[in-house]
């Protein structure tokens, strides 16, 4: 049963110190207030979250300074009537709520004769500022990235969407961590049923702690065994703001620099922020490259095995003779060659990620060159296999979203076994299985293959922003995520143009 905060300060202190016994990082201070310094208040905070209760420039210091000028009989009434004057101060009725408020990084203020605990924000927990997004490099556009502070992240979105229609709905996940989770959206653009589904998914589970948005993502996905993510991730505030303008919902988790965007589609993972900042010709060219790269990252090694082991008649004679000559002296079958090199490259990729800074880049490039050359010189693999594996790795790097690229890296091994055992028939079986799976996949009611399926739902407008990104003049409608009646996002005032021409 919750413990009520009473006007008796000593009782409140006793209850609070029992709740936070053996917590040396919780600082507790008793301070005399009132004109004659005969009343007492109690301030508690986590060690590094408050700059100083004595600083005259801090909210707590100014508040205490005012209390020291008032008669003791007026203190409780002053605090009760002027809570709003203290920056972002919140009163709590129960000790548990007050403790939870302190654990967000703020200070708690108890006053003798006042039956509330007052939360007063100050410096807060230490954290990173705004840094460049490392995983989503762009040629043109903002370089700001999300940080670990959810308040800072919502502010970065607000900085780009300066509208009162942008809503931030807060909830908490984790019985012991009480992690802040914010849903950010534009109220008049979203489908209310999608927002309701998201809130229901967040309430479907209870867990001790959610330390990153990745935990929330895994617990709320419906198709647990699908290699394809049903949530889009981003570390870029401009990408999140762009998604919100499309009628989608952004989920921010405290202590995580990665935001979740939902619902999502296959096409969304191929798009990048600078697709819309650059001219349509280069945006269309690079996007087409990414679509081709995502396909080849999955099937290229398998196709090589199918053609060299089963369907050599598809290859020109000169190329076939060259391949046969390069494989002379190699003791392993082609499928074993491919597996050896693919596993070696995956190990190099993982080692490069884990090593710090420049060391990681060095081991990825130099290690690949050395291992590939050494394997060819030792006749363990043929040169063509090194080329195939290297091109496959390049294709996976060209996919903008790391989690999405991981799906193709996993499926690549499935195609290696299918094509290595069944040839082109295995390739067709694998491709059919992937297409059937993608056609059944959805993200909060939106088909995963939109707009390649269900294009009529948006009047075939979304097809203008797929393989090719038509000029912005043609992208007048928002995608299918937006509710009916709010699809128009671009208008031209032709009358004004005619008037200007007339003048």
Foldseek 3Di string as FASTA:
>chain_A
DFAFFDLAQVVVVVVLCVVVPPPPQKDKDWFFFACVSPWIKIKIAGNPLADDCCDCPWLNNVVRVVRRNHHPVCNQVCCVVCVVVRPPKDKDGTPVVQVVLRVQRWMWMGTRRHRTIITHGHRGDDWDDWAFDDQFDDPDDDRTFFIQAPVNLVVLLCVVVVDPQWDWDWAFAAPAPRKIKIKTARNQWFDVLLVVLLVVQRVPDHHHDDQEVVVVQQSSDDPNPALAGQWAKDGDSVLVNVLRVLRWIWMDIHRYSIITIDRAAPQSQLDGPCLQVDFQVVSLVLSLLLVVLLVLLQAQLLQVLLCLPPNVVVDDPVVNVVVVVQLPPAPDPSLVQLVVLLVQLVVLQVQLVPDDDPVSVCSNVVVLVVVLVVCSVVSNHGNVSSVSSVSSVVSLSSRSGVSRSVSSSVSNVVSSVQCNVPRVVSVVVSVVVVVVVQQPDGTSPHRRHPPVPPCVLQPVLCVCSGSGPDGPVSNQFRDNSTDPPPGGDDDDDVVVVVVVVVD
